[in-house]
Amino acid sequence: SFECASGVSAVLVSTLAFAVACEAARRLARRAFRGGHFDALALASAWLFALNPANVFYGIAYTESGFSCASFIGYLALADGWDVASG
């Protein structure tokens, strides 16, 4: 039915956005630590983001994973020197 398909697609989109947010968090932490020997620390920070107690909201059809994804990608764009305008 349509309700079932829309529910499943919402969960899939949310899960995909969470996976992208985890990768963006790792890249942002790697850029913040700026060193090859800090890659493990960047990976640990991404794991801490992925395994925090509130991660139950990232796997269901809520907006938290999409917001986290957009936030981390925006922070990366800002770190790259993009002129990010709000509004």
N, C-alpha and C. Protein backbone atom coordinates (compact mmCIF):
# COMPACT_ATOMS: atom_id res chain seq x y z
N SER A 1 0.83 -1.18 0.00
CA SER A 1 0.00 0.00 0.00
C SER A 1 0.88 1.25 0.00
N PHE A 2 0.25 2.37 -0.25
CA PHE A 2 0.97 3.64 -0.32
C PHE A 2 1.56 4.02 1.03
N GLU A 3 0.82 3.80 2.10
CA GLU A 3 1.31 4.16 3.43
C GLU A 3 2.55 3.37 3.81
N CYS A 4 2.55 2.10 3.47
CA CYS A 4 3.70 1.26 3.77
C CYS A 4 4.92 1.69 2.94
N ALA A 5 4.70 1.95 1.67
CA ALA A 5 5.81 2.36 0.80
C ALA A 5 6.37 3.71 1.21
N SER A 6 5.50 4.62 1.60
CA SER A 6 5.99 5.94 2.01
C SER A 6 6.74 5.85 3.34
N GLY A 7 6.30 4.99 4.23
CA GLY A 7 7.00 4.80 5.50
C GLY A 7 8.37 4.19 5.31
N VAL A 8 8.45 3.19 4.46
CA VAL A 8 9.73 2.54 4.20
C VAL A 8 10.68 3.49 3.50
N SER A 9 10.17 4.26 2.54
CA SER A 9 11.04 5.21 1.84
C SER A 9 11.52 6.31 2.77
N ALA A 10 10.69 6.74 3.71
CA ALA A 10 11.11 7.76 4.67
C ALA A 10 12.23 7.24 5.57
N VAL A 11 12.12 6.00 5.99
CA VAL A 11 13.17 5.40 6.83
C VAL A 11 14.46 5.23 6.02
N LEU A 12 14.35 4.85 4.76
CA LEU A 12 15.54 4.69 3.92
C LEU A 12 16.24 6.03 3.68
N VAL A 13 15.47 7.07 3.41
CA VAL A 13 16.06 8.39 3.21
C VAL A 13 16.73 8.87 4.50
N SER A 14 16.08 8.64 5.62
CA SER A 14 16.64 9.05 6.90
C SER A 14 17.94 8.29 7.20
N THR A 15 17.96 7.01 6.91
CA THR A 15 19.15 6.20 7.15
C THR A 15 20.29 6.61 6.23
N LEU A 16 19.98 6.91 4.99
CA LEU A 16 21.00 7.37 4.05
C LEU A 16 21.57 8.72 4.48
N ALA A 17 20.70 9.62 4.91
CA ALA A 17 21.17 10.92 5.39
C ALA A 17 22.05 10.76 6.63
N PHE A 18 21.74 9.80 7.48
CA PHE A 18 22.56 9.55 8.66
C PHE A 18 23.94 9.02 8.27
N ALA A 19 24.00 8.14 7.28
CA ALA A 19 25.28 7.62 6.81
C ALA A 19 26.14 8.73 6.21
N VAL A 20 25.52 9.61 5.44
CA VAL A 20 26.25 10.74 4.87
C VAL A 20 26.71 11.69 5.98
N ALA A 21 25.88 11.89 6.98
CA ALA A 21 26.26 12.75 8.11
C ALA A 21 27.44 12.17 8.88
N CYS A 22 27.48 10.85 9.04
CA CYS A 22 28.62 10.23 9.72
C CYS A 22 29.91 10.45 8.95
N GLU A 23 29.86 10.27 7.63
CA GLU A 23 31.05 10.50 6.82
C GLU A 23 31.46 11.97 6.83
N ALA A 24 30.49 12.86 6.78
CA ALA A 24 30.80 14.29 6.83
C ALA A 24 31.38 14.67 8.19
N ALA A 25 30.89 14.06 9.26
CA ALA A 25 31.45 14.32 10.59
C ALA A 25 32.89 13.83 10.67
N ARG A 26 33.19 12.69 10.07
CA ARG A 26 34.56 12.18 10.06
C ARG A 26 35.48 13.12 9.29
N ARG A 27 35.02 13.57 8.13
CA ARG A 27 35.84 14.48 7.33
C ARG A 27 36.05 15.82 8.04
N LEU A 28 35.00 16.29 8.71
CA LEU A 28 35.13 17.56 9.44
C LEU A 28 36.10 17.42 10.61
N ALA A 29 36.02 16.31 11.32
CA ALA A 29 36.95 16.09 12.44
C ALA A 29 38.37 15.91 11.92
N ARG A 30 38.52 15.24 10.80
CA ARG A 30 39.86 15.07 10.22
C ARG A 30 40.46 16.42 9.83
N ARG A 31 39.62 17.27 9.29
CA ARG A 31 40.09 18.60 8.92
C ARG A 31 40.42 19.43 10.16
N ALA A 32 39.64 19.26 11.22
CA ALA A 32 39.88 20.04 12.45
C ALA A 32 41.18 19.61 13.13
N PHE A 33 41.49 18.32 13.08
CA PHE A 33 42.70 17.83 13.74
C PHE A 33 43.94 18.00 12.87
N ARG A 34 43.80 18.11 11.56
CA ARG A 34 44.84 18.44 10.59
C ARG A 34 46.13 17.64 10.72
N GLY A 35 46.02 16.36 10.79
CA GLY A 35 47.24 15.58 10.83
C GLY A 35 46.98 14.14 10.47
N GLY A 36 47.94 13.51 9.84
CA GLY A 36 47.77 12.13 9.45
C GLY A 36 47.65 11.19 10.63
N HIS A 37 48.35 11.49 11.72
CA HIS A 37 48.30 10.60 12.88
C HIS A 37 47.05 10.82 13.72
N PHE A 38 46.22 11.80 13.35
CA PHE A 38 44.97 12.02 14.06
C PHE A 38 43.77 11.40 13.34
N ASP A 39 44.02 10.58 12.31
CA ASP A 39 42.92 9.93 11.60
C ASP A 39 42.11 9.03 12.51
N ALA A 40 42.78 8.37 13.44
CA ALA A 40 42.08 7.50 14.37
C ALA A 40 41.15 8.31 15.28
N LEU A 41 41.59 9.49 15.66
CA LEU A 41 40.76 10.35 16.49
C LEU A 41 39.55 10.86 15.72
N ALA A 42 39.74 11.18 14.44
CA ALA A 42 38.62 11.61 13.61
C ALA A 42 37.63 10.47 13.43
N LEU A 43 38.13 9.27 13.23
CA LEU A 43 37.24 8.11 13.10
C LEU A 43 36.50 7.84 14.41
N ALA A 44 37.19 7.99 15.53
CA ALA A 44 36.54 7.79 16.83
C ALA A 44 35.45 8.82 17.07
N SER A 45 35.67 10.05 16.64
CA SER A 45 34.64 11.06 16.82
C SER A 45 33.42 10.77 15.95
N ALA A 46 33.63 10.23 14.76
CA ALA A 46 32.49 9.83 13.92
C ALA A 46 31.74 8.66 14.54
N TRP A 47 32.48 7.72 15.13
CA TRP A 47 31.83 6.61 15.81
C TRP A 47 31.04 7.09 17.04
N LEU A 48 31.58 8.05 17.75
CA LEU A 48 30.84 8.59 18.89
C LEU A 48 29.57 9.30 18.45
N PHE A 49 29.62 9.97 17.31
CA PHE A 49 28.41 10.57 16.76
C PHE A 49 27.41 9.48 16.38
N ALA A 50 27.90 8.41 15.79
CA ALA A 50 27.00 7.35 15.32
C ALA A 50 26.42 6.53 16.47
N LEU A 51 27.15 6.41 17.55
CA LEU A 51 26.72 5.53 18.65
C LEU A 51 26.23 6.28 19.88
N ASN A 52 25.85 7.53 19.71
CA ASN A 52 25.37 8.28 20.88
C ASN A 52 23.98 7.80 21.28
N PRO A 53 23.54 8.08 22.49
CA PRO A 53 22.24 7.57 22.94
C PRO A 53 21.04 8.08 22.14
N ALA A 54 21.19 9.19 21.45
CA ALA A 54 20.08 9.74 20.68
C ALA A 54 20.04 9.21 19.25
N ASN A 55 20.87 8.23 18.92
CA ASN A 55 20.90 7.75 17.54
C ASN A 55 19.64 6.99 17.15
N VAL A 56 18.79 6.69 18.09
CA VAL A 56 17.53 6.04 17.75
C VAL A 56 16.68 6.96 16.87
N PHE A 57 16.86 8.26 17.00
CA PHE A 57 16.10 9.21 16.19
C PHE A 57 16.65 9.34 14.78
N TYR A 58 17.87 8.86 14.55
CA TYR A 58 18.45 8.94 13.21
C TYR A 58 17.96 7.81 12.31
N GLY A 59 17.48 6.74 12.86
CA GLY A 59 17.06 5.59 12.07
C GLY A 59 15.58 5.51 11.81
N ILE A 60 14.82 6.51 12.24
CA ILE A 60 13.38 6.51 11.98
C ILE A 60 13.03 7.74 11.16
N ALA A 61 11.80 7.87 10.79
CA ALA A 61 11.40 8.93 9.86
C ALA A 61 11.24 10.27 10.57
N TYR A 62 12.31 10.75 11.18
CA TYR A 62 12.35 12.08 11.77
C TYR A 62 13.30 12.95 10.94
N THR A 63 13.38 14.21 11.25
CA THR A 63 14.20 15.13 10.47
C THR A 63 15.62 15.29 11.02
N GLU A 64 15.94 14.63 12.12
CA GLU A 64 17.24 14.83 12.75
C GLU A 64 18.39 14.42 11.86
N SER A 65 18.26 13.31 11.15
CA SER A 65 19.37 12.87 10.31
C SER A 65 19.56 13.80 9.12
N GLY A 66 18.50 14.28 8.54
CA GLY A 66 18.62 15.24 7.44
C GLY A 66 19.23 16.55 7.91
N PHE A 67 18.85 17.00 9.09
CA PHE A 67 19.41 18.23 9.64
C PHE A 67 20.89 18.06 9.96
N SER A 68 21.26 16.92 10.53
CA SER A 68 22.67 16.66 10.83
C SER A 68 23.49 16.59 9.55
N CYS A 69 22.94 15.95 8.53
CA CYS A 69 23.63 15.85 7.25
C CYS A 69 23.85 17.24 6.65
N ALA A 70 22.82 18.04 6.63
CA ALA A 70 22.94 19.39 6.07
C ALA A 70 23.89 20.25 6.90
N SER A 71 23.86 20.10 8.21
CA SER A 71 24.73 20.89 9.08
C SER A 71 26.20 20.55 8.86
N PHE A 72 26.53 19.26 8.86
CA PHE A 72 27.92 18.86 8.68
C PHE A 72 28.43 19.22 7.29
N ILE A 73 27.61 19.07 6.27
CA ILE A 73 28.03 19.45 4.92
C ILE A 73 28.21 20.96 4.85
N GLY A 74 27.35 21.71 5.51
CA GLY A 74 27.52 23.16 5.56
C GLY A 74 28.79 23.57 6.28
N TYR A 75 29.11 22.88 7.38
CA TYR A 75 30.35 23.17 8.10
C TYR A 75 31.57 22.87 7.24
N LEU A 76 31.49 21.78 6.48
CA LEU A 76 32.59 21.45 5.57
C LEU A 76 32.75 22.51 4.49
N ALA A 77 31.63 22.97 3.94
CA ALA A 77 31.68 24.02 2.92
C ALA A 77 32.27 25.31 3.51
N LEU A 78 31.91 25.62 4.73
CA LEU A 78 32.46 26.80 5.39
C LEU A 78 33.96 26.65 5.64
N ALA A 79 34.38 25.45 6.01
CA ALA A 79 35.81 25.20 6.23
C ALA A 79 36.59 25.28 4.92
N ASP A 80 35.94 24.96 3.81
CA ASP A 80 36.59 25.06 2.49
C ASP A 80 36.64 26.49 1.96
N GLY A 81 35.99 27.40 2.66
CA GLY A 81 36.03 28.80 2.26
C GLY A 81 34.87 29.21 1.38
N TRP A 82 33.86 28.38 1.28
CA TRP A 82 32.67 28.77 0.50
C TRP A 82 31.96 29.90 1.22
N ASP A 83 31.38 30.77 0.45
CA ASP A 83 30.59 31.85 1.02
C ASP A 83 29.18 31.31 1.25
N VAL A 84 28.93 30.86 2.45
CA VAL A 84 27.66 30.25 2.79
C VAL A 84 26.74 31.32 3.36
N ALA A 85 25.66 31.55 2.66
CA ALA A 85 24.68 32.55 3.11
C ALA A 85 23.49 31.84 3.72
N SER A 86 22.96 32.39 4.78
CA SER A 86 21.78 31.81 5.40
C SER A 86 20.56 32.60 5.01
N GLY A 87 19.43 31.93 5.12
CA GLY A 87 18.18 32.64 4.86
C GLY A 87 17.51 32.27 3.65
